Amino acid sequence: MTAQACRVDDPHCITCGDEGVPMRVTAADAVTAVCRDAAGDTHEVAIDLVGPVGAGDHLLVHAGVAIATLEAAS
């Protein structure tokens, strides 16, 4: 998994950016999912708020927490 580090010049930091980031689940267990963002970076995401998810699901993630499930683009 890619280590995350906040940089002052990065307005889209997954940890401290004030936005939701769409991500695709690549693997999941009961409490966390491994997700990939549009740039291809991998993140560990808490899924407590959205319930069970599986590989291929799409999530809206803020500060390392999935806050909603998204419909896949067709």
PDB file of N, CA and C in Angstrom:
ATOM      1  N   MET A   1       0.838  -1.168   0.000  1.00  0.00           N
ATOM      2  CA  MET A   1       0.000   0.000   0.000  1.00  0.00           C
ATOM      3  C   MET A   1       0.888   1.238   0.000  1.00  0.00           C
ATOM      4  N   THR A   2       0.463   2.266  -0.689  1.00  0.00           N
ATOM      5  CA  THR A   2       1.210   3.502  -0.788  1.00  0.00           C
ATOM      6  C   THR A   2       1.101   4.279   0.517  1.00  0.00           C
ATOM      7  N   ALA A   3       2.232   4.714   1.042  1.00  0.00           N
ATOM      8  CA  ALA A   3       2.213   5.533   2.258  1.00  0.00           C
ATOM      9  C   ALA A   3       1.674   6.916   1.924  1.00  0.00           C
ATOM     10  N   GLN A   4       0.867   7.450   2.810  1.00  0.00           N
ATOM     11  CA  GLN A   4       0.276   8.760   2.595  1.00  0.00           C
ATOM     12  C   GLN A   4       1.027   9.805   3.404  1.00  0.00           C
ATOM     13  N   ALA A   5       1.301  10.917   2.805  1.00  0.00           N
ATOM     14  CA  ALA A   5       1.955  12.028   3.478  1.00  0.00           C
ATOM     15  C   ALA A   5       1.284  13.314   3.022  1.00  0.00           C
ATOM     16  N   CYS A   6       0.948  14.173   3.959  1.00  0.00           N
ATOM     17  CA  CYS A   6       0.328  15.450   3.612  1.00  0.00           C
ATOM     18  C   CYS A   6       1.403  16.426   3.169  1.00  0.00           C
ATOM     19  N   ARG A   7       1.084  17.167   2.112  1.00  0.00           N
ATOM     20  CA  ARG A   7       1.982  18.215   1.640  1.00  0.00           C
ATOM     21  C   ARG A   7       1.183  19.499   1.571  1.00  0.00           C
ATOM     22  N   VAL A   8       1.798  20.577   1.965  1.00  0.00           N
ATOM     23  CA  VAL A   8       1.133  21.871   1.955  1.00  0.00           C
ATOM     24  C   VAL A   8       0.666  22.247   0.557  1.00  0.00           C
ATOM     25  N   ASP A   9       1.394  21.841  -0.478  1.00  0.00           N
ATOM     26  CA  ASP A   9       1.049  22.218  -1.847  1.00  0.00           C
ATOM     27  C   ASP A   9       0.036  21.277  -2.506  1.00  0.00           C
ATOM     28  N   ASP A  10      -0.517  20.328  -1.764  1.00  0.00           N
ATOM     29  CA  ASP A  10      -1.463  19.371  -2.326  1.00  0.00           C
ATOM     30  C   ASP A  10      -2.867  19.652  -1.790  1.00  0.00           C
ATOM     31  N   PRO A  11      -3.713  20.359  -2.559  1.00  0.00           N
ATOM     32  CA  PRO A  11      -5.041  20.704  -2.060  1.00  0.00           C
ATOM     33  C   PRO A  11      -6.003  19.516  -2.042  1.00  0.00           C
ATOM     34  N   HIS A  12      -5.598  18.362  -2.583  1.00  0.00           N
ATOM     35  CA  HIS A  12      -6.476  17.208  -2.654  1.00  0.00           C
ATOM     36  C   HIS A  12      -5.993  16.057  -1.788  1.00  0.00           C
ATOM     37  N   CYS A  13      -5.363  16.364  -0.682  1.00  0.00           N
ATOM     38  CA  CYS A  13      -4.873  15.340   0.234  1.00  0.00           C
ATOM     39  C   CYS A  13      -6.055  14.544   0.781  1.00  0.00           C
ATOM     40  N   ILE A  14      -5.998  13.202   0.695  1.00  0.00           N
ATOM     41  CA  ILE A  14      -7.090  12.349   1.176  1.00  0.00           C
ATOM     42  C   ILE A  14      -7.314  12.519   2.666  1.00  0.00           C
ATOM     43  N   THR A  15      -6.277  12.877   3.415  1.00  0.00           N
ATOM     44  CA  THR A  15      -6.395  13.000   4.856  1.00  0.00           C
ATOM     45  C   THR A  15      -6.968  14.334   5.285  1.00  0.00           C
ATOM     46  N   CYS A  16      -6.521  15.422   4.693  1.00  0.00           N
ATOM     47  CA  CYS A  16      -6.950  16.727   5.199  1.00  0.00           C
ATOM     48  C   CYS A  16      -7.643  17.596   4.157  1.00  0.00           C
ATOM     49  N   GLY A  17      -7.801  17.106   2.948  1.00  0.00           N
ATOM     50  CA  GLY A  17      -8.535  17.865   1.940  1.00  0.00           C
ATOM     51  C   GLY A  17     -10.012  17.901   2.297  1.00  0.00           C
ATOM     52  N   ASP A  18     -10.667  19.004   2.015  1.00  0.00           N
ATOM     53  CA  ASP A  18     -12.075  19.158   2.373  1.00  0.00           C
ATOM     54  C   ASP A  18     -12.950  18.769   1.184  1.00  0.00           C
ATOM     55  N   GLU A  19     -12.847  17.514   0.749  1.00  0.00           N
ATOM     56  CA  GLU A  19     -13.659  17.041  -0.367  1.00  0.00           C
ATOM     57  C   GLU A  19     -13.781  15.530  -0.307  1.00  0.00           C
ATOM     58  N   GLY A  20     -14.804  15.021  -0.951  1.00  0.00           N
ATOM     59  CA  GLY A  20     -14.941  13.584  -1.098  1.00  0.00           C
ATOM     60  C   GLY A  20     -14.230  13.144  -2.360  1.00  0.00           C
ATOM     61  N   VAL A  21     -13.560  12.013  -2.295  1.00  0.00           N
ATOM     62  CA  VAL A  21     -12.787  11.498  -3.417  1.00  0.00           C
ATOM     63  C   VAL A  21     -13.400  10.169  -3.859  1.00  0.00           C
ATOM     64  N   PRO A  22     -13.817  10.056  -5.113  1.00  0.00           N
ATOM     65  CA  PRO A  22     -14.341   8.768  -5.580  1.00  0.00           C
ATOM     66  C   PRO A  22     -13.215   7.745  -5.708  1.00  0.00           C
ATOM     67  N   MET A  23     -13.479   6.524  -5.222  1.00  0.00           N
ATOM     68  CA  MET A  23     -12.488   5.449  -5.285  1.00  0.00           C
ATOM     69  C   MET A  23     -13.184   4.142  -5.600  1.00  0.00           C
ATOM     70  N   ARG A  24     -12.407   3.209  -6.158  1.00  0.00           N
ATOM     71  CA  ARG A  24     -12.913   1.872  -6.472  1.00  0.00           C
ATOM     72  C   ARG A  24     -12.280   0.874  -5.519  1.00  0.00           C
ATOM     73  N   VAL A  25     -13.103   0.001  -4.943  1.00  0.00           N
ATOM     74  CA  VAL A  25     -12.648  -1.020  -4.002  1.00  0.00           C
ATOM     75  C   VAL A  25     -11.922  -2.117  -4.771  1.00  0.00           C
ATOM     76  N   THR A  26     -10.730  -2.481  -4.291  1.00  0.00           N
ATOM     77  CA  THR A  26      -9.997  -3.603  -4.887  1.00  0.00           C
ATOM     78  C   THR A  26     -10.051  -4.832  -3.990  1.00  0.00           C
ATOM     79  N   ALA A  27     -10.242  -4.633  -2.682  1.00  0.00           N
ATOM     80  CA  ALA A  27     -10.367  -5.735  -1.719  1.00  0.00           C
ATOM     81  C   ALA A  27     -11.015  -5.175  -0.464  1.00  0.00           C
ATOM     82  N   ALA A  28     -11.687  -6.043   0.292  1.00  0.00           N
ATOM     83  CA  ALA A  28     -12.348  -5.561   1.513  1.00  0.00           C
ATOM     84  C   ALA A  28     -12.490  -6.686   2.519  1.00  0.00           C
ATOM     85  N   ASP A  29     -12.536  -6.304   3.795  1.00  0.00           N
ATOM     86  CA  ASP A  29     -12.918  -7.230   4.853  1.00  0.00           C
ATOM     87  C   ASP A  29     -14.093  -6.585   5.589  1.00  0.00           C
ATOM     88  N   ALA A  30     -14.360  -6.964   6.803  1.00  0.00           N
ATOM     89  CA  ALA A  30     -15.545  -6.475   7.515  1.00  0.00           C
ATOM     90  C   ALA A  30     -15.464  -5.005   7.920  1.00  0.00           C
ATOM     91  N   VAL A  31     -14.256  -4.448   8.059  1.00  0.00           N
ATOM     92  CA  VAL A  31     -14.144  -3.071   8.560  1.00  0.00           C
ATOM     93  C   VAL A  31     -13.347  -2.121   7.681  1.00  0.00           C
ATOM     94  N   THR A  32     -12.555  -2.644   6.766  1.00  0.00           N
ATOM     95  CA  THR A  32     -11.752  -1.778   5.899  1.00  0.00           C
ATOM     96  C   THR A  32     -11.791  -2.274   4.457  1.00  0.00           C
ATOM     97  N   ALA A  33     -11.496  -1.348   3.560  1.00  0.00           N
ATOM     98  CA  ALA A  33     -11.385  -1.688   2.151  1.00  0.00           C
ATOM     99  C   ALA A  33     -10.083  -1.110   1.618  1.00  0.00           C
ATOM    100  N   VAL A  34      -9.485  -1.810   0.711  1.00  0.00           N
ATOM    101  CA  VAL A  34      -8.348  -1.280  -0.029  1.00  0.00           C
ATOM    102  C   VAL A  34      -8.939  -0.696  -1.303  1.00  0.00           C
ATOM    103  N   CYS A  35      -8.679   0.591  -1.520  1.00  0.00           N
ATOM    104  CA  CYS A  35      -9.285   1.302  -2.644  1.00  0.00           C
ATOM    105  C   CYS A  35      -8.224   1.967  -3.494  1.00  0.00           C
ATOM    106  N   ARG A  36      -8.581   2.217  -4.753  1.00  0.00           N
ATOM    107  CA  ARG A  36      -7.694   2.900  -5.684  1.00  0.00           C
ATOM    108  C   ARG A  36      -8.405   4.155  -6.171  1.00  0.00           C
ATOM    109  N   ASP A  37      -7.670   5.283  -6.146  1.00  0.00           N
ATOM    110  CA  ASP A  37      -8.241   6.544  -6.624  1.00  0.00           C
ATOM    111  C   ASP A  37      -7.964   6.695  -8.118  1.00  0.00           C
ATOM    112  N   ALA A  38      -8.423   7.788  -8.702  1.00  0.00           N
ATOM    113  CA  ALA A  38      -8.287   8.015 -10.147  1.00  0.00           C
ATOM    114  C   ALA A  38      -6.831   8.096 -10.596  1.00  0.00           C
ATOM    115  N   ALA A  39      -5.944   8.500  -9.694  1.00  0.00           N
ATOM    116  CA  ALA A  39      -4.519   8.588 -10.024  1.00  0.00           C
ATOM    117  C   ALA A  39      -3.825   7.234  -9.926  1.00  0.00           C
ATOM    118  N   GLY A  40      -4.552   6.215  -9.418  1.00  0.00           N
ATOM    119  CA  GLY A  40      -3.962   4.892  -9.282  1.00  0.00           C
ATOM    120  C   GLY A  40      -3.330   4.637  -7.935  1.00  0.00           C
ATOM    121  N   ASP A  41      -3.413   5.612  -7.031  1.00  0.00           N
ATOM    122  CA  ASP A  41      -2.852   5.431  -5.695  1.00  0.00           C
ATOM    123  C   ASP A  41      -3.769   4.551  -4.855  1.00  0.00           C
ATOM    124  N   THR A  42      -3.186   3.749  -3.980  1.00  0.00           N
ATOM    125  CA  THR A  42      -3.928   2.825  -3.135  1.00  0.00           C
ATOM    126  C   THR A  42      -4.083   3.408  -1.739  1.00  0.00           C
ATOM    127  N   HIS A  43      -5.281   3.220  -1.154  1.00  0.00           N
ATOM    128  CA  HIS A  43      -5.599   3.754   0.168  1.00  0.00           C
ATOM    129  C   HIS A  43      -6.353   2.713   0.975  1.00  0.00           C
ATOM    130  N   GLU A  44      -6.114   2.669   2.279  1.00  0.00           N
ATOM    131  CA  GLU A  44      -6.922   1.858   3.176  1.00  0.00           C
ATOM    132  C   GLU A  44      -8.041   2.746   3.698  1.00  0.00           C
ATOM    133  N   VAL A  45      -9.284   2.282   3.572  1.00  0.00           N
ATOM    134  CA  VAL A  45     -10.450   3.105   3.855  1.00  0.00           C
ATOM    135  C   VAL A  45     -11.355   2.393   4.861  1.00  0.00           C
ATOM    136  N   ALA A  46     -11.794   3.119   5.888  1.00  0.00           N
ATOM    137  CA  ALA A  46     -12.763   2.578   6.836  1.00  0.00           C
ATOM    138  C   ALA A  46     -14.139   2.542   6.167  1.00  0.00           C
ATOM    139  N   ILE A  47     -14.874   1.436   6.351  1.00  0.00           N
ATOM    140  CA  ILE A  47     -16.178   1.301   5.691  1.00  0.00           C
ATOM    141  C   ILE A  47     -17.329   1.203   6.694  1.00  0.00           C
ATOM    142  N   ASP A  48     -17.113   1.598   7.930  1.00  0.00           N
ATOM    143  CA  ASP A  48     -18.130   1.508   8.978  1.00  0.00           C
ATOM    144  C   ASP A  48     -19.440   2.193   8.600  1.00  0.00           C
ATOM    145  N   LEU A  49     -19.378   3.315   7.900  1.00  0.00           N
ATOM    146  CA  LEU A  49     -20.574   4.105   7.598  1.00  0.00           C
ATOM    147  C   LEU A  49     -21.364   3.600   6.394  1.00  0.00           C
ATOM    148  N   VAL A  50     -20.752   2.778   5.553  1.00  0.00           N
ATOM    149  CA  VAL A  50     -21.434   2.353   4.322  1.00  0.00           C
ATOM    150  C   VAL A  50     -21.789   0.872   4.299  1.00  0.00           C
ATOM    151  N   GLY A  51     -21.383   0.135   5.293  1.00  0.00           N
ATOM    152  CA  GLY A  51     -21.734  -1.279   5.338  1.00  0.00           C
ATOM    153  C   GLY A  51     -20.812  -2.125   4.491  1.00  0.00           C
ATOM    154  N   PRO A  52     -21.192  -3.365   4.264  1.00  0.00           N
ATOM    155  CA  PRO A  52     -20.310  -4.257   3.512  1.00  0.00           C
ATOM    156  C   PRO A  52     -20.120  -3.796   2.066  1.00  0.00           C
ATOM    157  N   VAL A  53     -18.905  -3.912   1.594  1.00  0.00           N
ATOM    158  CA  VAL A  53     -18.572  -3.595   0.205  1.00  0.00           C
ATOM    159  C   VAL A  53     -17.709  -4.720  -0.351  1.00  0.00           C
ATOM    160  N   GLY A  54     -17.594  -4.766  -1.651  1.00  0.00           N
ATOM    161  CA  GLY A  54     -16.780  -5.785  -2.291  1.00  0.00           C
ATOM    162  C   GLY A  54     -15.961  -5.202  -3.419  1.00  0.00           C
ATOM    163  N   ALA A  55     -15.042  -5.991  -3.924  1.00  0.00           N
ATOM    164  CA  ALA A  55     -14.186  -5.558  -5.031  1.00  0.00           C
ATOM    165  C   ALA A  55     -15.049  -5.090  -6.192  1.00  0.00           C
ATOM    166  N   GLY A  56     -14.681  -3.939  -6.748  1.00  0.00           N
ATOM    167  CA  GLY A  56     -15.406  -3.355  -7.865  1.00  0.00           C
ATOM    168  C   GLY A  56     -16.416  -2.294  -7.452  1.00  0.00           C
ATOM    169  N   ASP A  57     -16.793  -2.261  -6.170  1.00  0.00           N
ATOM    170  CA  ASP A  57     -17.712  -1.217  -5.703  1.00  0.00           C
ATOM    171  C   ASP A  57     -17.022   0.140  -5.748  1.00  0.00           C
ATOM    172  N   HIS A  58     -17.813   1.181  -5.858  1.00  0.00           N
ATOM    173  CA  HIS A  58     -17.296   2.548  -5.899  1.00  0.00           C
ATOM    174  C   HIS A  58     -17.763   3.292  -4.655  1.00  0.00           C
ATOM    175  N   LEU A  59     -16.829   4.014  -4.023  1.00  0.00           N
ATOM    176  CA  LEU A  59     -17.114   4.724  -2.778  1.00  0.00           C
ATOM    177  C   LEU A  59     -16.723   6.184  -2.892  1.00  0.00           C
ATOM    178  N   LEU A  60     -17.389   7.014  -2.115  1.00  0.00           N
ATOM    179  CA  LEU A  60     -16.977   8.399  -1.937  1.00  0.00           C
ATOM    180  C   LEU A  60     -16.258   8.441  -0.599  1.00  0.00           C
ATOM    181  N   VAL A  61     -14.992   8.863  -0.613  1.00  0.00           N
ATOM    182  CA  VAL A  61     -14.133   8.780   0.569  1.00  0.00           C
ATOM    183  C   VAL A  61     -13.710  10.175   1.005  1.00  0.00           C
ATOM    184  N   HIS A  62     -13.789  10.425   2.315  1.00  0.00           N
ATOM    185  CA  HIS A  62     -13.312  11.672   2.902  1.00  0.00           C
ATOM    186  C   HIS A  62     -12.489  11.327   4.129  1.00  0.00           C
ATOM    187  N   ALA A  63     -11.267  11.826   4.177  1.00  0.00           N
ATOM    188  CA  ALA A  63     -10.374  11.640   5.325  1.00  0.00           C
ATOM    189  C   ALA A  63     -10.218  10.170   5.693  1.00  0.00           C
ATOM    190  N   GLY A  64     -10.116   9.300   4.694  1.00  0.00           N
ATOM    191  CA  GLY A  64      -9.882   7.886   4.946  1.00  0.00           C
ATOM    192  C   GLY A  64     -11.105   7.096   5.366  1.00  0.00           C
ATOM    193  N   VAL A  65     -12.294   7.715   5.261  1.00  0.00           N
ATOM    194  CA  VAL A  65     -13.545   7.052   5.643  1.00  0.00           C
ATOM    195  C   VAL A  65     -14.510   7.105   4.458  1.00  0.00           C
ATOM    196  N   ALA A  66     -15.083   5.957   4.101  1.00  0.00           N
ATOM    197  CA  ALA A  66     -16.100   5.919   3.058  1.00  0.00           C
ATOM    198  C   ALA A  66     -17.361   6.550   3.628  1.00  0.00           C
ATOM    199  N   ILE A  67     -17.877   7.577   2.926  1.00  0.00           N
ATOM    200  CA  ILE A  67     -19.073   8.266   3.422  1.00  0.00           C
ATOM    201  C   ILE A  67     -20.305   7.972   2.579  1.00  0.00           C
ATOM    202  N   ALA A  68     -20.134   7.324   1.426  1.00  0.00           N
ATOM    203  CA  ALA A  68     -21.269   6.962   0.577  1.00  0.00           C
ATOM    204  C   ALA A  68     -20.808   5.951  -0.455  1.00  0.00           C
ATOM    205  N   THR A  69     -21.760   5.156  -0.935  1.00  0.00           N
ATOM    206  CA  THR A  69     -21.487   4.293  -2.076  1.00  0.00           C
ATOM    207  C   THR A  69     -21.935   5.039  -3.325  1.00  0.00           C
ATOM    208  N   LEU A  70     -21.259   4.783  -4.423  1.00  0.00           N
ATOM    209  CA  LEU A  70     -21.564   5.459  -5.691  1.00  0.00           C
ATOM    210  C   LEU A  70     -21.943   4.419  -6.721  1.00  0.00           C
ATOM    211  N   GLU A  71     -22.742   4.810  -7.669  1.00  0.00           N
ATOM    212  CA  GLU A  71     -23.054   3.933  -8.785  1.00  0.00           C
ATOM    213  C   GLU A  71     -21.879   3.976  -9.756  1.00  0.00           C
ATOM    214  N   ALA A  72     -21.522   2.852 -10.286  1.00  0.00           N
ATOM    215  CA  ALA A  72     -20.421   2.782 -11.256  1.00  0.00           C
ATOM    216  C   ALA A  72     -20.821   3.518 -12.522  1.00  0.00           C
ATOM    217  N   ALA A  73     -19.871   4.204 -13.135  1.00  0.00           N
ATOM    218  CA  ALA A  73     -20.121   4.877 -14.417  1.00  0.00           C
ATOM    219  C   ALA A  73     -20.332   3.813 -15.485  1.00  0.00           C
ATOM    220  N   SER A  74     -21.305   4.031 -16.356  1.00  0.00           N
ATOM    221  CA  SER A  74     -21.569   3.030 -17.396  1.00  0.00           C
ATOM    222  C   SER A  74     -20.881   3.388 -18.686  1.00  0.00           C
TER     223      SER A  74
END
